[in-house]
Amino acid sequence: MNKGNKIDFTGQPIYVGMDVHKKSWSVSIHTVHFEHKTFTQPPEVEMLAHYLQRTFPGATYYTVYEAGFSGFWIHDRLREQGIHCVVVNPADVPTKHKEKAGKADRVDCRKLARHLRSGDSEGIYTPSRAHTEDRHLIRTRHSMVRKQTRCKNQIKSILFFYGIPIPEGATGPGTLSNG
């Protein structure tokens, strides 16, 4: 277990709960027996991976965070670093009354790490990067088509308001028709 002055954590699990935000992450690190540390860091996967590898060399790292605005890029980058990651639905994380009353990032990340350690964290489906990009492209196209239709209808409404008829040939693709 001990190599010189360094402790070897080979085979030992390290549990990391994260409350992720745009400008910072609250991180709580737990071992099997105790809570190691809870801190705030910049939103950088590499910084967290470096800290874990330096502090717990040889360990197996497990992380968890709640699904939200940040999407799944954190999940993907953690996996690239060799860190297991689970993304959970925030509504599925059991919360005590006291935790609801004192809602804070430090409380949330500790709670996530505890649930991960006890095996109570059930992850949601995390789509591949290609699947996410395809879905985003389709949704963006659908949104643009709706905007285009709304603009055409506004133009037609203005023309009708002023009694200006729409010419017969102006109903094909790329014109003022609804298509």
N, C-alpha and C. Protein backbone atom coordinates (compact mmCIF):
# COMPACT_ATOMS: atom_id res chain seq x y z
N MET A 1 0.82 -1.19 0.00
CA MET A 1 0.00 0.00 0.00
C MET A 1 0.86 1.25 0.00
N ASN A 2 2.00 1.23 0.66
CA ASN A 2 2.82 2.42 0.79
C ASN A 2 4.10 2.27 -0.03
N LYS A 3 4.29 3.16 -0.98
CA LYS A 3 5.51 3.16 -1.80
C LYS A 3 6.30 4.41 -1.43
N GLY A 4 7.24 4.26 -0.54
CA GLY A 4 8.00 5.43 -0.08
C GLY A 4 7.09 6.32 0.74
N ASN A 5 6.97 7.58 0.34
CA ASN A 5 6.10 8.51 1.04
C ASN A 5 4.72 8.61 0.40
N LYS A 6 4.52 7.95 -0.74
CA LYS A 6 3.25 8.05 -1.44
C LYS A 6 2.35 6.88 -1.12
N ILE A 7 1.09 7.16 -0.86
CA ILE A 7 0.10 6.11 -0.63
C ILE A 7 -0.43 5.68 -1.99
N ASP A 8 -0.56 4.38 -2.17
CA ASP A 8 -1.08 3.84 -3.43
C ASP A 8 -2.54 3.48 -3.22
N PHE A 9 -3.42 4.03 -4.02
CA PHE A 9 -4.85 3.80 -3.90
C PHE A 9 -5.35 2.80 -4.95
N THR A 10 -4.47 2.01 -5.51
CA THR A 10 -4.84 1.08 -6.57
C THR A 10 -6.02 0.21 -6.15
N GLY A 11 -7.03 0.22 -7.01
CA GLY A 11 -8.22 -0.60 -6.77
C GLY A 11 -9.24 0.02 -5.84
N GLN A 12 -8.91 1.12 -5.19
CA GLN A 12 -9.85 1.74 -4.26
C GLN A 12 -10.75 2.72 -5.01
N PRO A 13 -12.04 2.72 -4.70
CA PRO A 13 -12.94 3.66 -5.36
C PRO A 13 -12.92 5.03 -4.70
N ILE A 14 -12.97 6.06 -5.51
CA ILE A 14 -13.08 7.44 -5.04
C ILE A 14 -14.36 8.00 -5.65
N TYR A 15 -15.23 8.56 -4.84
CA TYR A 15 -16.53 9.05 -5.28
C TYR A 15 -16.54 10.57 -5.28
N VAL A 16 -16.95 11.15 -6.40
CA VAL A 16 -16.92 12.60 -6.56
C VAL A 16 -18.32 13.09 -6.96
N GLY A 17 -18.91 13.91 -6.11
CA GLY A 17 -20.18 14.56 -6.43
C GLY A 17 -19.89 15.97 -6.90
N MET A 18 -20.56 16.38 -7.98
CA MET A 18 -20.30 17.72 -8.54
C MET A 18 -21.62 18.46 -8.74
N ASP A 19 -21.63 19.71 -8.34
CA ASP A 19 -22.74 20.61 -8.65
C ASP A 19 -22.16 21.59 -9.67
N VAL A 20 -22.55 21.42 -10.93
CA VAL A 20 -21.91 22.16 -12.02
C VAL A 20 -22.68 23.42 -12.38
N HIS A 21 -21.92 24.47 -12.60
CA HIS A 21 -22.45 25.75 -13.05
C HIS A 21 -21.55 26.28 -14.15
N LYS A 22 -21.97 27.36 -14.77
CA LYS A 22 -21.20 27.91 -15.88
C LYS A 22 -19.83 28.42 -15.44
N LYS A 23 -19.76 29.08 -14.29
CA LYS A 23 -18.50 29.71 -13.88
C LYS A 23 -17.72 28.94 -12.83
N SER A 24 -18.34 27.95 -12.18
CA SER A 24 -17.62 27.18 -11.17
C SER A 24 -18.34 25.85 -10.92
N TRP A 25 -17.60 24.92 -10.33
CA TRP A 25 -18.14 23.64 -9.91
C TRP A 25 -17.89 23.48 -8.42
N SER A 26 -18.89 23.03 -7.70
CA SER A 26 -18.70 22.60 -6.32
C SER A 26 -18.43 21.10 -6.37
N VAL A 27 -17.37 20.67 -5.73
CA VAL A 27 -16.91 19.28 -5.82
C VAL A 27 -16.76 18.72 -4.40
N SER A 28 -17.29 17.52 -4.20
CA SER A 28 -17.12 16.83 -2.92
C SER A 28 -16.54 15.45 -3.20
N ILE A 29 -15.41 15.16 -2.57
CA ILE A 29 -14.69 13.90 -2.81
C ILE A 29 -14.80 13.02 -1.57
N HIS A 30 -15.26 11.80 -1.79
CA HIS A 30 -15.43 10.84 -0.70
C HIS A 30 -14.67 9.56 -1.02
N THR A 31 -14.13 8.95 0.03
CA THR A 31 -13.57 7.61 -0.10
C THR A 31 -14.62 6.65 0.46
N VAL A 32 -14.28 5.40 0.55
CA VAL A 32 -15.22 4.42 1.09
C VAL A 32 -15.58 4.75 2.54
N HIS A 33 -14.63 5.31 3.29
CA HIS A 33 -14.82 5.49 4.72
C HIS A 33 -15.13 6.91 5.17
N PHE A 34 -14.74 7.92 4.40
CA PHE A 34 -14.91 9.29 4.89
C PHE A 34 -15.00 10.29 3.74
N GLU A 35 -15.39 11.52 4.12
CA GLU A 35 -15.40 12.62 3.16
C GLU A 35 -14.00 13.23 3.17
N HIS A 36 -13.37 13.26 2.01
CA HIS A 36 -12.02 13.80 1.92
C HIS A 36 -12.02 15.32 1.94
N LYS A 37 -12.78 15.90 0.99
CA LYS A 37 -12.71 17.35 0.84
C LYS A 37 -13.90 17.83 0.01
N THR A 38 -14.37 19.03 0.31
CA THR A 38 -15.39 19.70 -0.50
C THR A 38 -14.83 21.08 -0.84
N PHE A 39 -14.85 21.42 -2.12
CA PHE A 39 -14.25 22.68 -2.56
C PHE A 39 -14.92 23.17 -3.84
N THR A 40 -14.59 24.39 -4.21
CA THR A 40 -15.06 24.99 -5.46
C THR A 40 -13.88 25.14 -6.39
N GLN A 41 -14.12 24.86 -7.67
CA GLN A 41 -13.06 24.97 -8.66
C GLN A 41 -13.61 25.56 -9.95
N PRO A 42 -12.72 26.04 -10.82
CA PRO A 42 -13.18 26.48 -12.14
C PRO A 42 -13.78 25.29 -12.91
N PRO A 43 -14.65 25.54 -13.86
CA PRO A 43 -15.31 24.46 -14.59
C PRO A 43 -14.39 23.79 -15.62
N GLU A 44 -13.39 23.07 -15.13
CA GLU A 44 -12.40 22.45 -16.01
C GLU A 44 -12.21 20.98 -15.63
N VAL A 45 -12.52 20.10 -16.57
CA VAL A 45 -12.38 18.66 -16.35
C VAL A 45 -10.93 18.29 -16.07
N GLU A 46 -10.02 18.86 -16.83
CA GLU A 46 -8.60 18.52 -16.68
C GLU A 46 -8.08 18.85 -15.29
N MET A 47 -8.55 19.97 -14.72
CA MET A 47 -8.11 20.37 -13.39
C MET A 47 -8.58 19.34 -12.35
N LEU A 48 -9.83 18.90 -12.47
CA LEU A 48 -10.35 17.90 -11.54
C LEU A 48 -9.62 16.57 -11.71
N ALA A 49 -9.41 16.15 -12.96
CA ALA A 49 -8.71 14.89 -13.22
C ALA A 49 -7.30 14.93 -12.65
N HIS A 50 -6.61 16.04 -12.84
CA HIS A 50 -5.24 16.18 -12.32
C HIS A 50 -5.23 16.09 -10.80
N TYR A 51 -6.20 16.75 -10.15
CA TYR A 51 -6.27 16.71 -8.69
C TYR A 51 -6.50 15.28 -8.20
N LEU A 52 -7.43 14.58 -8.83
CA LEU A 52 -7.73 13.20 -8.41
C LEU A 52 -6.52 12.29 -8.61
N GLN A 53 -5.86 12.41 -9.75
CA GLN A 53 -4.72 11.54 -10.04
C GLN A 53 -3.53 11.85 -9.13
N ARG A 54 -3.37 13.10 -8.77
CA ARG A 54 -2.26 13.49 -7.88
C ARG A 54 -2.54 13.08 -6.43
N THR A 55 -3.79 13.25 -6.00
CA THR A 55 -4.14 12.99 -4.61
C THR A 55 -4.43 11.51 -4.33
N PHE A 56 -5.02 10.83 -5.31
CA PHE A 56 -5.39 9.42 -5.14
C PHE A 56 -4.82 8.59 -6.29
N PRO A 57 -3.49 8.46 -6.37
CA PRO A 57 -2.90 7.74 -7.50
C PRO A 57 -3.32 6.27 -7.53
N GLY A 58 -3.70 5.83 -8.72
CA GLY A 58 -4.07 4.44 -8.92
C GLY A 58 -5.50 4.10 -8.56
N ALA A 59 -6.26 5.03 -8.01
CA ALA A 59 -7.64 4.75 -7.60
C ALA A 59 -8.54 4.66 -8.83
N THR A 60 -9.73 4.16 -8.60
CA THR A 60 -10.78 4.17 -9.62
C THR A 60 -11.73 5.30 -9.25
N TYR A 61 -11.94 6.22 -10.18
CA TYR A 61 -12.70 7.43 -9.89
C TYR A 61 -14.11 7.31 -10.45
N TYR A 62 -15.09 7.67 -9.62
CA TYR A 62 -16.50 7.68 -10.01
C TYR A 62 -17.04 9.07 -9.75
N THR A 63 -17.66 9.67 -10.75
CA THR A 63 -18.22 11.01 -10.59
C THR A 63 -19.70 10.99 -10.91
N VAL A 64 -20.39 12.00 -10.39
CA VAL A 64 -21.82 12.16 -10.64
C VAL A 64 -22.15 13.64 -10.66
N TYR A 65 -23.04 14.02 -11.57
CA TYR A 65 -23.60 15.37 -11.56
C TYR A 65 -25.02 15.32 -12.09
N GLU A 66 -25.78 16.36 -11.80
CA GLU A 66 -27.17 16.41 -12.21
C GLU A 66 -27.28 16.94 -13.64
N ALA A 67 -28.18 16.34 -14.41
CA ALA A 67 -28.45 16.79 -15.77
C ALA A 67 -28.99 18.21 -15.70
N GLY A 68 -28.64 19.00 -16.68
CA GLY A 68 -29.12 20.37 -16.70
C GLY A 68 -28.67 21.10 -17.94
N PHE A 69 -28.50 22.38 -17.79
CA PHE A 69 -28.16 23.25 -18.92
C PHE A 69 -26.83 22.89 -19.58
N SER A 70 -25.94 22.29 -18.83
CA SER A 70 -24.59 22.04 -19.34
C SER A 70 -24.50 20.88 -20.32
N GLY A 71 -25.55 20.11 -20.44
CA GLY A 71 -25.52 19.01 -21.39
C GLY A 71 -24.63 17.88 -20.92
N PHE A 72 -24.02 17.18 -21.88
CA PHE A 72 -23.25 15.98 -21.56
C PHE A 72 -21.77 16.10 -21.88
N TRP A 73 -21.30 17.29 -22.20
CA TRP A 73 -19.88 17.42 -22.55
C TRP A 73 -18.98 17.08 -21.36
N ILE A 74 -19.43 17.40 -20.14
CA ILE A 74 -18.64 17.07 -18.95
C ILE A 74 -18.51 15.55 -18.83
N HIS A 75 -19.61 14.86 -19.02
CA HIS A 75 -19.62 13.39 -18.99
C HIS A 75 -18.61 12.85 -20.01
N ASP A 76 -18.68 13.36 -21.24
CA ASP A 76 -17.80 12.87 -22.31
C ASP A 76 -16.33 13.13 -21.99
N ARG A 77 -16.02 14.32 -21.49
CA ARG A 77 -14.63 14.66 -21.20
C ARG A 77 -14.08 13.88 -20.01
N LEU A 78 -14.92 13.63 -19.00
CA LEU A 78 -14.48 12.81 -17.86
C LEU A 78 -14.17 11.39 -18.32
N ARG A 79 -15.02 10.84 -19.20
CA ARG A 79 -14.79 9.49 -19.71
C ARG A 79 -13.48 9.44 -20.51
N GLU A 80 -13.19 10.50 -21.27
CA GLU A 80 -11.93 10.56 -22.02
C GLU A 80 -10.73 10.52 -21.07
N GLN A 81 -10.90 11.05 -19.86
CA GLN A 81 -9.83 11.07 -18.86
C GLN A 81 -9.76 9.75 -18.08
N GLY A 82 -10.64 8.81 -18.41
CA GLY A 82 -10.65 7.52 -17.72
C GLY A 82 -11.41 7.54 -16.41
N ILE A 83 -12.29 8.50 -16.26
CA ILE A 83 -13.08 8.66 -15.04
C ILE A 83 -14.51 8.23 -15.33
N HIS A 84 -15.03 7.31 -14.53
CA HIS A 84 -16.41 6.87 -14.68
C HIS A 84 -17.33 8.05 -14.32
N CYS A 85 -18.39 8.22 -15.09
CA CYS A 85 -19.29 9.34 -14.82
C CYS A 85 -20.74 8.91 -14.98
N VAL A 86 -21.56 9.37 -14.06
CA VAL A 86 -22.99 9.13 -14.10
C VAL A 86 -23.68 10.49 -14.10
N VAL A 87 -24.65 10.65 -14.99
CA VAL A 87 -25.47 11.86 -15.00
C VAL A 87 -26.84 11.45 -14.48
N VAL A 88 -27.32 12.15 -13.45
CA VAL A 88 -28.59 11.79 -12.83
C VAL A 88 -29.65 12.86 -13.08
N ASN A 89 -30.89 12.42 -13.05
CA ASN A 89 -32.02 13.34 -13.12
C ASN A 89 -32.14 14.00 -11.75
N PRO A 90 -32.15 15.33 -11.67
CA PRO A 90 -32.23 15.99 -10.36
C PRO A 90 -33.45 15.56 -9.54
N ALA A 91 -34.55 15.26 -10.21
CA ALA A 91 -35.76 14.86 -9.49
C ALA A 91 -35.63 13.47 -8.87
N ASP A 92 -34.69 12.67 -9.33
CA ASP A 92 -34.51 11.31 -8.82
C ASP A 92 -33.58 11.23 -7.62
N VAL A 93 -32.94 12.34 -7.26
CA VAL A 93 -32.01 12.34 -6.12
C VAL A 93 -32.80 12.60 -4.85
N PRO A 94 -32.85 11.61 -3.93
CA PRO A 94 -33.59 11.81 -2.69
C PRO A 94 -33.02 12.98 -1.89
N THR A 95 -33.91 13.81 -1.39
CA THR A 95 -33.48 14.99 -0.65
C THR A 95 -34.21 15.05 0.69
N LYS A 96 -33.46 15.25 1.74
CA LYS A 96 -34.05 15.40 3.07
C LYS A 96 -34.61 16.80 3.22
N HIS A 97 -35.55 16.95 4.14
CA HIS A 97 -36.18 18.25 4.36
C HIS A 97 -35.13 19.31 4.72
N LYS A 98 -34.17 18.94 5.54
CA LYS A 98 -33.12 19.87 5.95
C LYS A 98 -32.29 20.33 4.75
N GLU A 99 -32.05 19.43 3.79
CA GLU A 99 -31.28 19.79 2.59
C GLU A 99 -32.06 20.74 1.69
N LYS A 100 -33.39 20.57 1.66
CA LYS A 100 -34.23 21.48 0.87
C LYS A 100 -34.21 22.89 1.46
N ALA A 101 -34.26 22.96 2.79
CA ALA A 101 -34.30 24.26 3.46
C ALA A 101 -32.97 25.00 3.31
N GLY A 102 -31.86 24.26 3.40
CA GLY A 102 -30.53 24.88 3.31
C GLY A 102 -29.88 24.58 1.98
N LYS A 103 -30.62 24.81 0.88
CA LYS A 103 -30.12 24.47 -0.45
C LYS A 103 -28.88 25.29 -0.78
N ALA A 104 -27.78 24.60 -0.99
CA ALA A 104 -26.52 25.25 -1.35
C ALA A 104 -25.71 24.27 -2.19
N ASP A 105 -24.81 24.80 -2.98
CA ASP A 105 -24.00 23.96 -3.85
C ASP A 105 -23.18 22.94 -3.06
N ARG A 106 -22.62 23.35 -1.93
CA ARG A 106 -21.82 22.44 -1.10
C ARG A 106 -22.68 21.28 -0.59
N VAL A 107 -23.89 21.59 -0.20
CA VAL A 107 -24.81 20.55 0.29
C VAL A 107 -25.16 19.60 -0.85
N ASP A 108 -25.44 20.14 -2.03
CA ASP A 108 -25.83 19.32 -3.17
C ASP A 108 -24.71 18.37 -3.61
N CYS A 109 -23.48 18.87 -3.71
CA CYS A 109 -22.40 18.01 -4.18
C CYS A 109 -22.07 16.93 -3.15
N ARG A 110 -22.18 17.25 -1.88
CA ARG A 110 -21.97 16.24 -0.83
C ARG A 110 -23.04 15.15 -0.92
N LYS A 111 -24.28 15.58 -1.10
CA LYS A 111 -25.39 14.64 -1.21
C LYS A 111 -25.19 13.71 -2.40
N LEU A 112 -24.79 14.27 -3.54
CA LEU A 112 -24.56 13.46 -4.73
C LEU A 112 -23.44 12.44 -4.50
N ALA A 113 -22.36 12.87 -3.86
CA ALA A 113 -21.25 11.96 -3.59
C ALA A 113 -21.67 10.84 -2.64
N ARG A 114 -22.45 11.17 -1.61
CA ARG A 114 -22.94 10.15 -0.67
C ARG A 114 -23.81 9.12 -1.37
N HIS A 115 -24.71 9.59 -2.23
CA HIS A 115 -25.60 8.67 -2.94
C HIS A 115 -24.83 7.82 -3.94
N LEU A 116 -23.82 8.38 -4.56
CA LEU A 116 -22.98 7.60 -5.48
C LEU A 116 -22.25 6.51 -4.71
N ARG A 117 -21.70 6.86 -3.56
CA ARG A 117 -20.96 5.91 -2.75
C ARG A 117 -21.86 4.77 -2.26
N SER A 118 -23.11 5.09 -1.91
CA SER A 118 -24.02 4.06 -1.39
C SER A 118 -24.69 3.25 -2.51
N GLY A 119 -24.47 3.66 -3.76
CA GLY A 119 -25.04 2.93 -4.89
C GLY A 119 -26.47 3.34 -5.21
N ASP A 120 -26.93 4.47 -4.68
CA ASP A 120 -28.30 4.93 -4.90
C ASP A 120 -28.46 5.81 -6.14
N SER A 121 -27.38 6.11 -6.83
CA SER A 121 -27.46 7.01 -7.99
C SER A 121 -27.70 6.20 -9.26
N GLU A 122 -28.87 6.39 -9.83
CA GLU A 122 -29.19 5.72 -11.09
C GLU A 122 -29.07 6.75 -12.21
N GLY A 123 -28.17 6.47 -13.14
CA GLY A 123 -27.91 7.41 -14.22
C GLY A 123 -29.00 7.42 -15.27
N ILE A 124 -29.07 8.51 -16.00
CA ILE A 124 -29.98 8.62 -17.12
C ILE A 124 -29.23 8.25 -18.40
N TYR A 125 -29.96 8.12 -19.48
CA TYR A 125 -29.35 7.83 -20.78
C TYR A 125 -28.52 9.03 -21.22
N THR A 126 -27.27 8.79 -21.57
CA THR A 126 -26.41 9.86 -22.08
C THR A 126 -26.12 9.57 -23.54
N PRO A 127 -26.68 10.37 -24.43
CA PRO A 127 -26.49 10.12 -25.86
C PRO A 127 -25.06 10.39 -26.30
N SER A 128 -24.68 9.76 -27.40
CA SER A 128 -23.35 10.00 -27.96
C SER A 128 -23.29 11.41 -28.50
N ARG A 129 -22.08 11.88 -28.73
CA ARG A 129 -21.88 13.23 -29.27
C ARG A 129 -22.57 13.37 -30.64
N ALA A 130 -22.42 12.34 -31.49
CA ALA A 130 -23.03 12.38 -32.83
C ALA A 130 -24.55 12.45 -32.72
N HIS A 131 -25.13 11.68 -31.82
CA HIS A 131 -26.58 11.68 -31.63
C HIS A 131 -27.05 13.06 -31.15
N THR A 132 -26.33 13.64 -30.22
CA THR A 132 -26.68 14.96 -29.70
C THR A 132 -26.60 16.02 -30.80
N GLU A 133 -25.55 15.95 -31.61
CA GLU A 133 -25.40 16.92 -32.71
C GLU A 133 -26.51 16.77 -33.74
N ASP A 134 -26.87 15.53 -34.07
CA ASP A 134 -27.96 15.30 -35.03
C ASP A 134 -29.27 15.85 -34.49
N ARG A 135 -29.55 15.57 -33.23
CA ARG A 135 -30.79 16.04 -32.62
C ARG A 135 -30.83 17.56 -32.58
N HIS A 136 -29.70 18.17 -32.26
CA HIS A 136 -29.62 19.64 -32.21
C HIS A 136 -29.85 20.23 -33.60
N LEU A 137 -29.27 19.63 -34.62
CA LEU A 137 -29.44 20.10 -36.00
C LEU A 137 -30.91 20.04 -36.42
N ILE A 138 -31.57 18.93 -36.12
CA ILE A 138 -32.98 18.78 -36.50
C ILE A 138 -33.85 19.79 -35.76
N ARG A 139 -33.59 19.98 -34.47
CA ARG A 139 -34.36 20.95 -33.70
C ARG A 139 -34.13 22.38 -34.19
N THR A 140 -32.90 22.70 -34.55
CA THR A 140 -32.59 24.04 -35.06
C THR A 140 -33.30 24.28 -36.39
N ARG A 141 -33.27 23.28 -37.28
CA ARG A 141 -33.95 23.41 -38.56
C ARG A 141 -35.45 23.62 -38.35
N HIS A 142 -36.05 22.84 -37.47
CA HIS A 142 -37.47 22.96 -37.18
C HIS A 142 -37.80 24.36 -36.66
N SER A 143 -36.96 24.89 -35.79
CA SER A 143 -37.15 26.22 -35.24
C SER A 143 -37.05 27.29 -36.34
N MET A 144 -36.09 27.13 -37.24
CA MET A 144 -35.91 28.10 -38.32
C MET A 144 -37.10 28.08 -39.29
N VAL A 145 -37.64 26.90 -39.57
CA VAL A 145 -38.81 26.79 -40.44
C VAL A 145 -40.00 27.51 -39.79
N ARG A 146 -40.19 27.32 -38.49
CA ARG A 146 -41.29 28.01 -37.78
C ARG A 146 -41.10 29.53 -37.84
N LYS A 147 -39.87 30.00 -37.66
CA LYS A 147 -39.61 31.44 -37.72
C LYS A 147 -39.89 31.98 -39.12
N GLN A 148 -39.47 31.23 -40.13
CA GLN A 148 -39.70 31.65 -41.51
C GLN A 148 -41.20 31.74 -41.80
N THR A 149 -41.95 30.76 -41.36
CA THR A 149 -43.40 30.77 -41.58
C THR A 149 -44.04 31.96 -40.86
N ARG A 150 -43.59 32.22 -39.64
CA ARG A 150 -44.13 33.36 -38.88
C ARG A 150 -43.84 34.68 -39.61
N CYS A 151 -42.63 34.83 -40.16
CA CYS A 151 -42.27 36.06 -40.89
C CYS A 151 -43.13 36.22 -42.15
N LYS A 152 -43.32 35.12 -42.88
CA LYS A 152 -44.16 35.18 -44.10
C LYS A 152 -45.58 35.57 -43.73
N ASN A 153 -46.10 35.01 -42.66
CA ASN A 153 -47.47 35.35 -42.25
C ASN A 153 -47.58 36.81 -41.83
N GLN A 154 -46.54 37.35 -41.18
CA GLN A 154 -46.56 38.75 -40.80
C GLN A 154 -46.55 39.66 -42.04
N ILE A 155 -45.74 39.29 -43.02
CA ILE A 155 -45.69 40.09 -44.26
C ILE A 155 -47.05 40.05 -44.95
N LYS A 156 -47.64 38.87 -45.07
CA LYS A 156 -48.96 38.75 -45.70
C LYS A 156 -50.00 39.56 -44.94
N SER A 157 -49.91 39.55 -43.61
CA SER A 157 -50.86 40.29 -42.80
C SER A 157 -50.73 41.80 -43.05
N ILE A 158 -49.51 42.28 -43.15
CA ILE A 158 -49.28 43.72 -43.43
C ILE A 158 -49.82 44.07 -44.81
N LEU A 159 -49.54 43.23 -45.80
CA LEU A 159 -50.04 43.48 -47.16
C LEU A 159 -51.57 43.52 -47.17
N PHE A 160 -52.19 42.55 -46.49
CA PHE A 160 -53.65 42.50 -46.43
C PHE A 160 -54.20 43.73 -45.72
N PHE A 161 -53.52 44.17 -44.63
CA PHE A 161 -53.95 45.33 -43.86
C PHE A 161 -54.03 46.58 -44.75
N TYR A 162 -53.08 46.72 -45.67
CA TYR A 162 -53.05 47.88 -46.56
C TYR A 162 -53.76 47.61 -47.88
N GLY A 163 -54.40 46.47 -48.00
CA GLY A 163 -55.18 46.18 -49.19
C GLY A 163 -54.33 45.86 -50.41
N ILE A 164 -53.12 45.42 -50.19
CA ILE A 164 -52.24 45.08 -51.31
C ILE A 164 -52.38 43.58 -51.58
N PRO A 165 -52.86 43.23 -52.79
CA PRO A 165 -53.03 41.81 -53.10
C PRO A 165 -51.68 41.13 -53.36
N ILE A 166 -51.61 39.86 -53.01
CA ILE A 166 -50.41 39.07 -53.28
C ILE A 166 -50.55 38.54 -54.71
N PRO A 167 -49.56 38.81 -55.57
CA PRO A 167 -49.65 38.36 -56.96
C PRO A 167 -49.79 36.84 -57.05
N GLU A 168 -50.49 36.36 -58.07
CA GLU A 168 -50.75 34.93 -58.27
C GLU A 168 -49.47 34.10 -58.30
N GLY A 169 -48.43 34.54 -58.97
CA GLY A 169 -47.19 33.78 -59.10
C GLY A 169 -46.33 33.79 -57.84
N ALA A 170 -46.75 34.50 -56.81
CA ALA A 170 -45.94 34.63 -55.61
C ALA A 170 -46.31 33.59 -54.56
N THR A 171 -46.69 32.40 -54.97
CA THR A 171 -47.09 31.38 -53.99
C THR A 171 -46.24 30.12 -54.09
N GLY A 172 -45.14 30.15 -54.84
CA GLY A 172 -44.27 28.98 -54.98
C GLY A 172 -43.25 28.92 -53.87
N PRO A 173 -42.32 27.94 -53.94
CA PRO A 173 -41.27 27.81 -52.92
C PRO A 173 -40.40 29.07 -52.86
N GLY A 174 -40.09 29.49 -51.65
CA GLY A 174 -39.22 30.65 -51.46
C GLY A 174 -39.95 31.96 -51.60
N THR A 175 -41.28 31.91 -51.71
CA THR A 175 -42.05 33.16 -51.83
C THR A 175 -42.90 33.33 -50.58
N LEU A 176 -43.96 34.06 -50.70
CA LEU A 176 -44.79 34.37 -49.53
C LEU A 176 -45.80 33.28 -49.19
N SER A 177 -45.70 32.12 -49.79
CA SER A 177 -46.62 31.03 -49.45
C SER A 177 -46.25 30.48 -48.07
N ASN A 178 -47.09 29.66 -47.54
CA ASN A 178 -46.84 29.06 -46.22
C ASN A 178 -45.93 27.86 -46.32
N GLY A 179 -45.44 27.50 -47.48
CA GLY A 179 -44.63 26.29 -47.64
C GLY A 179 -43.19 26.50 -47.47
